[in-house]
Amino acid sequence: MKNSILITGGRVIDPASGFDGNADVLIRDGKIEAVGKGLNGDGCELLDGAGSIVAPGFIDMHVHLREPGFEHAETIETGAKSAAAGGFTTICCMPNTVPVNDSATVTSYIVQRAREVAPVNVYPIGAITKGSLGEELAAIGSMREAGIVAISDDGRPVMNARVMRRAMEIARALDITIINHCEDLHLSAGGDMHEGPQSVRLGLRGIPSASEDVMVARDLLLAELTGARYHVAHLSTARSVAMVGFARSRGLNVSCEVTPHHFAITDDELCTYDSNYRMKPPLRRNEDVDAVIEGIVSGVIDAIATDHAPHAGSEKMQEFERCPFGITGLDTAVGLSLSELVHKNRIPVARMIALFTTGPANILKLDRGTLEPGAPGDVTVFDLDTEWTYDVQQSFSKSRNSPFHGRRFRGGPVATVVGGSIKWTRT
């Protein structure tokens, strides 16, 4: 039977429904049919989930696929294959392509190309402004009709507060989430890493925490003014966590995400001048990492997203000060989250699953992230204990710019099921 599968014997955890127990998951014709014990899977493909956790398909709401324009670094196909191997069934791609995804034409190209070559669901995120230049609003309405699920100039913050206010008003009218890369470019200009004792010690130009904090503060005020559904991308500082928490306590419709590298490593790692540690926001100090983890524990942080940012080796392997910002992240996100959050008893595994499912699904209003009957048949199967070593050379991504090459992990993806079809299994 096409796109039908019975996943047997696993521990099923669905934060959306609160279900947590040993059960089978039956998918017929690409949709969840039932979750329970002893289900009849006649005519279905079988997948043994014994010893594994069976969860709703993981969603990564912050990925750079580079196509169109930078296919030498990544394509929709290779990025989506890397996502499947990382345990993700759905990814949302940022608009900083060439041309920028600021029109229905580019949005339609991405949607169609993904249908043709991607093993996972791909949702485009459209630009806030034309060319992501921060000056004139993009064709948000027509992009919405073409398939975008949010708007963002990610990679470039919207510096002009008046433009951001207008964008928020339109986003509210269209019932779409607006996402900002929070960075004051005047404060961060010329910086290479987090500004602090380490940057002084290494002789590298600093990017102060304030460059993020002042933009978060501005946007929260604008969100209160406009009533927009506002999301902070890749939050990384203690003050930003506190401000988002305060805004939520006042009833603002705001959310935020954090990347695995911002809760797994600190600016101490830069002592080798390895360009794979150069990213924006930069790796922060221990105090910020602790605050980010506390934000995850307390519920202030809604989602984990990779900010998968592939760069070709010829671009990334330059002097630290000259190479582009960004690292790949799809392959290691689940492993890092298990290692740093679950195995260190900071959060239960159900909370980790929520950060990859109900969190992003609610932020973007996607009809995914649950195993309720009738939902799309997307499932992530992972285990908690199998030890493995990450080899960046084995990645499906076209780029190799990861600081986690050679890192030992405990637990990770076992199988990825999209629309009732197995797209990847661990060998």
Protein backbone atom coordinates (compact mmCIF):
# COMPACT_ATOMS: atom_id res chain seq x y z
CA MET A 1 0.00 0.00 0.00
CA LYS A 2 1.54 3.32 -1.10
CA ASN A 3 2.83 5.61 1.65
CA SER A 4 1.60 3.26 4.37
CA ILE A 5 3.74 1.97 7.21
CA LEU A 6 3.39 0.39 10.64
CA ILE A 7 6.04 1.39 13.18
CA THR A 8 6.04 -1.22 15.91
CA GLY A 9 7.28 -1.60 19.46
CA GLY A 10 8.69 1.83 20.17
CA ARG A 11 8.12 4.29 23.00
CA VAL A 12 5.79 6.80 21.41
CA ILE A 13 5.99 10.37 22.70
CA ASP A 14 3.65 13.01 21.27
CA PRO A 15 3.80 16.28 23.24
CA ALA A 16 0.84 17.68 21.28
CA SER A 17 -1.52 15.05 22.72
CA GLY A 18 0.42 14.23 25.87
CA PHE A 19 0.79 10.58 24.86
CA ASP A 20 3.84 8.77 26.24
CA GLY A 21 3.94 4.98 26.20
CA ASN A 22 4.85 1.85 24.31
CA ALA A 23 2.70 1.63 21.20
CA ASP A 24 2.57 1.17 17.44
CA VAL A 25 2.07 3.99 14.95
CA LEU A 26 -0.01 3.22 11.85
CA ILE A 27 0.24 5.46 8.81
CA ARG A 28 -2.02 4.84 5.80
CA ASP A 29 -1.99 6.81 2.56
CA GLY A 30 0.43 9.31 4.03
CA LYS A 31 -1.69 10.18 7.10
CA ILE A 32 -1.56 9.10 10.73
CA GLU A 33 -4.38 6.58 11.20
CA ALA A 34 -3.85 5.37 14.75
CA VAL A 35 -1.49 5.13 17.72
CA GLY A 36 -1.96 2.13 19.99
CA LYS A 37 -0.97 -1.42 20.79
CA GLY A 38 -1.46 -4.37 18.45
CA LEU A 39 -2.46 -2.33 15.40
CA ASN A 40 -3.24 -4.17 12.16
CA GLY A 41 -0.78 -3.15 9.48
CA ASP A 42 -1.94 -5.44 6.68
CA GLY A 43 -0.49 -4.23 3.40
CA CYS A 44 1.81 -1.75 5.12
CA GLU A 45 5.57 -1.58 5.21
CA LEU A 46 6.93 -2.50 8.64
CA LEU A 47 9.50 -0.53 10.65
CA ASP A 48 10.75 -1.97 13.93
CA GLY A 49 10.85 0.74 16.58
CA ALA A 50 11.86 -1.50 19.47
CA GLY A 51 14.36 0.21 21.76
CA SER A 52 13.73 3.56 20.09
CA ILE A 53 11.61 6.64 20.67
CA VAL A 54 8.95 7.32 18.06
CA ALA A 55 8.04 11.00 17.83
CA PRO A 56 6.23 13.39 15.51
CA GLY A 57 8.42 14.47 12.62
CA PHE A 58 11.02 17.01 13.73
CA ILE A 59 10.81 20.53 12.26
CA ASP A 60 13.78 22.82 11.68
CA MET A 61 12.41 26.32 11.21
CA HIS A 62 15.75 27.95 10.34
CA VAL A 63 17.79 26.51 7.47
CA HIS A 64 19.80 27.99 4.60
CA LEU A 65 19.54 25.89 1.45
CA ARG A 66 21.47 28.37 -0.76
CA GLU A 67 19.43 27.62 -3.88
CA PRO A 68 19.00 29.59 -6.05
CA GLY A 69 22.36 31.32 -6.45
CA PHE A 70 24.84 29.46 -4.24
CA GLU A 71 24.45 25.88 -5.43
CA HIS A 72 28.20 25.31 -5.01
CA ALA A 73 27.62 25.40 -1.22
CA GLU A 74 24.24 23.67 -0.96
CA THR A 75 21.13 22.83 -2.97
CA ILE A 76 17.56 22.16 -2.00
CA GLU A 77 18.20 18.48 -2.69
CA THR A 78 21.43 18.10 -0.71
CA GLY A 79 20.21 20.20 2.19
CA ALA A 80 16.97 18.22 2.38
CA LYS A 81 18.88 14.92 2.31
CA SER A 82 21.06 16.18 5.16
CA ALA A 83 17.88 17.12 7.03
CA ALA A 84 16.44 13.61 6.61
CA ALA A 85 19.66 12.08 7.92
CA GLY A 86 19.51 14.46 10.88
CA GLY A 87 16.02 13.29 11.82
CA PHE A 88 14.08 16.21 10.34
CA THR A 89 10.94 15.73 8.29
CA THR A 90 10.26 19.43 7.69
CA ILE A 91 12.61 22.36 7.13
CA CYS A 92 11.99 26.06 6.54
CA CYS A 93 14.49 27.84 4.28
CA MET A 94 15.60 31.42 4.72
CA PRO A 95 15.38 33.92 1.83
CA ASN A 96 19.03 35.03 1.49
CA THR A 97 19.51 33.48 -1.93
CA VAL A 98 20.37 35.06 -5.30
CA PRO A 99 17.93 36.35 -6.26
CA VAL A 100 16.56 36.97 -2.78
CA ASN A 101 13.23 35.27 -2.13
CA ASP A 102 11.34 38.56 -2.16
CA SER A 103 8.74 37.72 -4.81
CA ALA A 104 6.19 35.06 -5.66
CA THR A 105 8.38 34.01 -8.60
CA VAL A 106 11.27 32.94 -6.39
CA THR A 107 8.94 31.44 -3.79
CA SER A 108 7.23 29.36 -6.47
CA TYR A 109 10.57 28.15 -7.79
CA ILE A 110 11.63 26.92 -4.34
CA VAL A 111 8.28 25.22 -3.74
CA GLN A 112 8.35 23.46 -7.10
CA ARG A 113 12.00 22.47 -6.88
CA ALA A 114 11.46 21.01 -3.42
CA ARG A 115 8.55 18.93 -4.69
CA GLU A 116 10.81 17.52 -7.38
CA VAL A 117 13.97 16.68 -5.42
CA ALA A 118 13.53 17.03 -1.63
CA PRO A 119 12.92 13.93 0.51
CA VAL A 120 11.47 16.13 3.28
CA ASN A 121 8.90 18.92 3.43
CA VAL A 122 10.39 22.30 2.51
CA TYR A 123 8.63 25.55 3.40
CA PRO A 124 10.09 28.86 2.16
CA ILE A 125 10.41 31.92 4.35
CA GLY A 126 10.08 35.14 2.37
CA ALA A 127 12.08 38.34 2.70
CA ILE A 128 10.70 41.27 4.67
CA THR A 129 12.21 43.84 2.32
CA LYS A 130 13.15 43.90 -1.35
CA GLY A 131 16.60 42.40 -1.79
CA SER A 132 16.72 42.15 2.02
CA LEU A 133 18.13 45.68 1.89
CA GLY A 134 15.91 46.94 4.70
CA GLU A 135 14.44 49.84 2.74
CA GLU A 136 11.28 48.85 0.85
CA LEU A 137 8.85 46.11 1.80
CA ALA A 138 8.83 43.00 -0.36
CA ALA A 139 5.75 41.55 -2.05
CA ILE A 140 4.65 39.83 1.15
CA GLY A 141 1.04 39.19 0.15
CA SER A 142 1.86 37.50 -3.15
CA MET A 143 4.62 35.44 -1.51
CA ARG A 144 2.11 34.35 1.11
CA GLU A 145 -0.17 33.08 -1.65
CA ALA A 146 2.80 31.32 -3.30
CA GLY A 147 3.65 29.38 -0.13
CA ILE A 148 5.83 31.24 2.38
CA VAL A 149 5.17 30.49 6.06
CA ALA A 150 6.95 33.52 7.59
CA ILE A 151 8.93 36.59 6.66
CA SER A 152 12.51 37.43 7.61
CA ASP A 153 15.57 39.23 6.26
CA ASP A 154 17.69 36.68 8.12
CA GLY A 155 21.37 37.31 7.68
CA ARG A 156 20.51 40.99 7.69
CA PRO A 157 18.50 42.70 10.43
CA VAL A 158 15.88 45.29 9.53
CA MET A 159 17.70 48.31 10.91
CA ASN A 160 15.04 50.92 10.12
CA ALA A 161 12.45 50.88 12.92
CA ARG A 162 9.80 52.51 10.73
CA VAL A 163 10.18 49.82 8.08
CA MET A 164 10.02 47.13 10.77
CA ARG A 165 6.85 48.64 12.19
CA ARG A 166 5.18 48.63 8.78
CA ALA A 167 6.31 45.04 8.20
CA MET A 168 4.83 43.98 11.54
CA GLU A 169 1.52 45.66 10.68
CA ILE A 170 1.35 43.80 7.37
CA ALA A 171 2.40 40.54 9.02
CA ARG A 172 -0.45 40.93 11.50
CA ALA A 173 -2.94 41.65 8.73
CA LEU A 174 -1.79 38.55 6.82
CA ASP A 175 -1.61 36.43 9.98
CA ILE A 176 2.01 35.50 9.36
CA THR A 177 4.99 35.35 11.73
CA ILE A 178 7.73 37.94 11.37
CA ILE A 179 11.24 36.77 12.27
CA ASN A 180 14.20 39.07 12.84
CA HIS A 181 17.92 38.43 12.98
CA CYS A 182 18.52 40.69 15.96
CA GLU A 183 21.78 42.53 15.47
CA ASP A 184 22.54 46.25 15.56
CA LEU A 185 24.99 46.50 12.68
CA HIS A 186 26.53 49.69 14.02
CA LEU A 187 27.46 47.98 17.29
CA SER A 188 28.68 44.76 15.67
CA ALA A 189 30.49 46.32 12.71
CA GLY A 190 33.85 44.69 12.05
CA GLY A 191 33.48 42.14 14.82
CA ASP A 192 34.74 38.57 14.57
CA MET A 193 33.66 36.96 17.86
CA HIS A 194 31.93 37.74 21.16
CA GLU A 195 33.37 40.84 22.84
CA GLY A 196 34.94 39.88 26.15
CA PRO A 197 38.11 38.63 27.80
CA GLN A 198 38.54 35.94 25.15
CA SER A 199 38.43 38.39 22.23
CA VAL A 200 41.04 40.54 23.95
CA ARG A 201 43.21 37.49 24.67
CA LEU A 202 42.99 36.29 21.06
CA GLY A 203 43.40 39.71 19.48
CA LEU A 204 40.10 39.45 17.57
CA ARG A 205 37.56 42.21 17.14
CA GLY A 206 34.56 41.88 19.44
CA ILE A 207 30.81 41.74 18.85
CA PRO A 208 29.13 42.94 22.06
CA SER A 209 26.07 41.27 23.52
CA ALA A 210 24.41 44.68 23.32
CA SER A 211 24.31 44.40 19.52
CA GLU A 212 21.68 41.68 19.96
CA ASP A 213 20.04 43.04 23.08
CA VAL A 214 19.16 46.50 21.76
CA MET A 215 17.53 45.03 18.65
CA VAL A 216 15.50 42.54 20.69
CA ALA A 217 14.37 45.39 22.94
CA ARG A 218 13.35 47.55 19.98
CA ASP A 219 11.43 44.76 18.30
CA LEU A 220 9.57 43.79 21.47
CA LEU A 221 8.37 47.38 21.80
CA LEU A 222 7.24 47.34 18.16
CA ALA A 223 5.53 44.00 18.65
CA GLU A 224 3.61 45.47 21.58
CA LEU A 225 2.69 48.50 19.46
CA THR A 226 1.50 46.51 16.44
CA GLY A 227 0.21 43.27 17.97
CA ALA A 228 2.28 41.28 15.48
CA ARG A 229 3.27 37.65 15.94
CA TYR A 230 7.00 38.17 16.41
CA HIS A 231 9.86 35.66 16.63
CA VAL A 232 13.50 36.15 17.66
CA ALA A 233 15.88 34.05 15.57
CA HIS A 234 18.93 32.31 17.10
CA LEU A 235 18.74 34.07 20.48
CA SER A 236 22.11 33.94 22.27
CA THR A 237 22.42 36.33 25.23
CA ALA A 238 21.24 36.31 28.83
CA ARG A 239 19.55 39.70 28.51
CA SER A 240 17.65 38.63 25.40
CA VAL A 241 16.32 35.57 27.22
CA ALA A 242 15.20 37.79 30.10
CA MET A 243 13.53 40.34 27.80
CA VAL A 244 11.59 37.70 25.86
CA GLY A 245 10.47 36.14 29.13
CA PHE A 246 9.30 39.53 30.42
CA ALA A 247 7.44 40.26 27.19
CA ARG A 248 5.67 36.90 27.37
CA SER A 249 4.67 37.57 30.98
CA ARG A 250 2.92 40.72 29.73
CA GLY A 251 0.96 38.76 27.16
CA LEU A 252 2.85 39.67 24.01
CA ASN A 253 2.61 37.21 21.14
CA VAL A 254 6.36 36.65 20.91
CA SER A 255 8.53 33.55 20.61
CA CYS A 256 12.17 32.64 20.20
CA GLU A 257 14.50 29.87 19.09
CA VAL A 258 18.00 28.82 20.06
CA THR A 259 20.59 26.84 18.12
CA PRO A 260 22.37 23.76 19.50
CA HIS A 261 25.77 25.41 19.18
CA HIS A 262 24.65 28.27 21.41
CA PHE A 263 23.84 25.92 24.28
CA ALA A 264 26.62 23.39 23.60
CA ILE A 265 29.81 25.48 23.28
CA THR A 266 31.22 28.84 24.35
CA ASP A 267 33.71 31.39 23.09
CA ASP A 268 36.44 29.44 24.89
CA GLU A 269 36.48 27.13 21.84
CA LEU A 270 37.94 29.87 19.64
CA CYS A 271 41.43 29.52 21.07
CA THR A 272 42.43 27.46 18.00
CA TYR A 273 41.33 30.19 15.56
CA ASP A 274 39.37 27.47 13.73
CA SER A 275 37.14 29.21 11.18
CA ASN A 276 34.42 26.59 11.77
CA TYR A 277 33.71 28.37 15.06
CA ARG A 278 32.99 31.70 13.35
CA MET A 279 29.25 32.35 13.36
CA LYS A 280 26.57 34.97 13.99
CA PRO A 281 25.45 35.41 16.63
CA PRO A 282 28.92 34.55 17.88
CA LEU A 283 29.58 31.91 20.48
CA ARG A 284 28.97 33.61 23.80
CA ARG A 285 30.38 33.38 27.33
CA ASN A 286 29.48 30.71 29.87
CA GLU A 287 26.96 32.99 31.59
CA ASP A 288 25.00 33.38 28.36
CA VAL A 289 25.02 29.64 27.70
CA ASP A 290 23.70 29.02 31.21
CA ALA A 291 20.93 31.57 30.64
CA VAL A 292 19.97 30.00 27.32
CA ILE A 293 19.74 26.57 28.95
CA GLU A 294 17.66 28.03 31.79
CA GLY A 295 15.39 29.56 29.13
CA ILE A 296 14.91 26.11 27.63
CA VAL A 297 14.18 24.61 31.04
CA SER A 298 11.74 27.36 32.06
CA GLY A 299 9.86 27.39 28.77
CA VAL A 300 10.86 30.87 27.62
CA ILE A 301 12.53 29.33 24.58
CA ASP A 302 10.01 27.75 22.23
CA ALA A 303 12.12 25.93 19.65
CA ILE A 304 15.51 24.53 18.76
CA ALA A 305 16.59 25.40 15.21
CA THR A 306 19.89 24.67 13.51
CA ASP A 307 20.58 27.85 11.49
CA HIS A 308 22.22 25.39 9.06
CA ALA A 309 24.54 27.71 7.10
CA PRO A 310 26.69 25.79 4.60
CA HIS A 311 29.75 27.38 3.01
CA ALA A 312 32.09 25.86 0.47
CA GLY A 313 35.54 24.92 1.74
CA SER A 314 37.22 27.51 -0.48
CA GLU A 315 35.21 30.20 1.30
CA LYS A 316 35.26 28.95 4.88
CA MET A 317 38.86 27.77 5.15
CA GLN A 318 40.41 31.22 5.14
CA GLU A 319 41.89 33.31 7.92
CA PHE A 320 39.41 33.62 10.80
CA GLU A 321 38.83 37.33 10.16
CA ARG A 322 38.09 36.81 6.45
CA CYS A 323 35.89 33.73 6.29
CA PRO A 324 32.07 33.95 6.19
CA PHE A 325 29.98 33.44 9.33
CA GLY A 326 28.02 30.23 9.80
CA ILE A 327 28.19 26.48 10.34
CA THR A 328 26.23 23.43 9.19
CA GLY A 329 23.89 21.98 11.78
CA LEU A 330 21.34 19.51 10.45
CA ASP A 331 23.47 16.41 11.08
CA THR A 332 24.26 17.14 14.72
CA ALA A 333 21.24 18.94 16.20
CA VAL A 334 19.53 15.92 17.71
CA GLY A 335 22.78 14.47 19.03
CA LEU A 336 23.77 17.76 20.65
CA SER A 337 20.32 18.24 22.17
CA LEU A 338 20.39 14.77 23.69
CA SER A 339 23.96 15.15 24.94
CA GLU A 340 23.64 18.63 26.41
CA LEU A 341 20.02 18.72 27.56
CA VAL A 342 18.57 15.25 28.10
CA HIS A 343 21.56 13.21 29.24
CA LYS A 344 22.62 15.98 31.61
CA ASN A 345 19.13 15.84 33.15
CA ARG A 346 18.31 19.41 32.28
CA ILE A 347 15.07 18.56 30.51
CA PRO A 348 13.07 15.36 29.94
CA VAL A 349 13.11 13.85 26.47
CA ALA A 350 9.46 14.87 25.94
CA ARG A 351 10.43 18.52 26.36
CA MET A 352 13.23 18.11 23.81
CA ILE A 353 10.75 16.61 21.36
CA ALA A 354 8.39 19.55 21.89
CA LEU A 355 11.19 21.97 21.04
CA PHE A 356 11.52 20.23 17.67
CA THR A 357 7.80 19.70 17.00
CA THR A 358 4.98 21.60 18.69
CA GLY A 359 7.23 24.61 19.28
CA PRO A 360 8.07 25.43 15.65
CA ALA A 361 4.68 24.15 14.40
CA ASN A 362 2.85 26.60 16.69
CA ILE A 363 5.15 29.49 15.83
CA LEU A 364 4.62 29.06 12.08
CA LYS A 365 1.08 27.62 12.27
CA LEU A 366 2.05 24.43 10.45
CA ASP A 367 -0.28 21.43 10.38
CA ARG A 368 2.55 19.20 11.57
CA GLY A 369 4.37 18.22 14.74
CA THR A 370 1.78 15.76 16.04
CA LEU A 371 0.78 12.10 15.78
CA GLU A 372 -2.95 12.79 16.09
CA PRO A 373 -5.11 10.82 13.62
CA GLY A 374 -5.42 12.67 10.32
CA ALA A 375 -2.12 14.52 10.70
CA PRO A 376 0.55 14.15 8.01
CA GLY A 377 2.43 10.87 8.38
CA ASP A 378 5.74 12.42 9.43
CA VAL A 379 7.67 10.55 12.11
CA THR A 380 11.15 10.83 13.62
CA VAL A 381 12.57 7.69 15.21
CA PHE A 382 15.63 8.12 17.45
CA ASP A 383 17.38 6.35 20.28
CA LEU A 384 18.89 7.57 23.51
CA ASP A 385 21.97 5.45 23.96
CA THR A 386 23.72 4.35 20.76
CA GLU A 387 27.17 5.92 20.65
CA TRP A 388 28.45 7.31 17.37
CA THR A 389 31.11 9.67 16.09
CA TYR A 390 30.24 12.46 13.70
CA ASP A 391 32.24 12.33 10.45
CA VAL A 392 31.58 15.49 8.47
CA GLN A 393 32.88 13.78 5.32
CA GLN A 394 29.87 11.45 5.41
CA SER A 395 27.34 14.29 5.40
CA PHE A 396 24.83 14.62 2.58
CA SER A 397 25.44 18.37 2.67
CA LYS A 398 27.73 19.79 0.00
CA SER A 399 29.60 21.77 2.68
CA ARG A 400 31.78 20.61 5.56
CA ASN A 401 31.93 23.65 7.84
CA SER A 402 31.06 22.01 11.16
CA PRO A 403 32.99 22.46 14.41
CA PHE A 404 31.69 19.07 15.60
CA HIS A 405 33.69 16.81 13.29
CA GLY A 406 35.04 13.91 15.36
CA ARG A 407 32.73 14.59 18.30
CA ARG A 408 31.35 11.53 20.11
CA PHE A 409 27.58 11.47 20.64
CA ARG A 410 25.23 9.32 22.67
CA GLY A 411 21.89 8.85 20.96
CA GLY A 412 20.62 10.14 17.66
CA PRO A 413 18.30 9.60 14.69
CA VAL A 414 17.37 6.05 13.64
CA ALA A 415 14.83 6.63 10.86
CA THR A 416 12.98 9.47 9.18
CA VAL A 417 9.48 8.92 7.79
CA VAL A 418 7.85 11.59 5.61
CA GLY A 419 4.27 11.22 4.45
CA GLY A 420 4.29 7.54 5.32
CA SER A 421 7.45 6.81 3.35
CA ILE A 422 10.84 5.97 4.86
CA LYS A 423 13.30 8.57 3.60
CA TRP A 424 16.35 7.64 5.68
CA THR A 425 17.48 4.94 8.07
CA ARG A 426 20.68 4.60 10.06
CA THR A 427 22.86 1.84 8.66
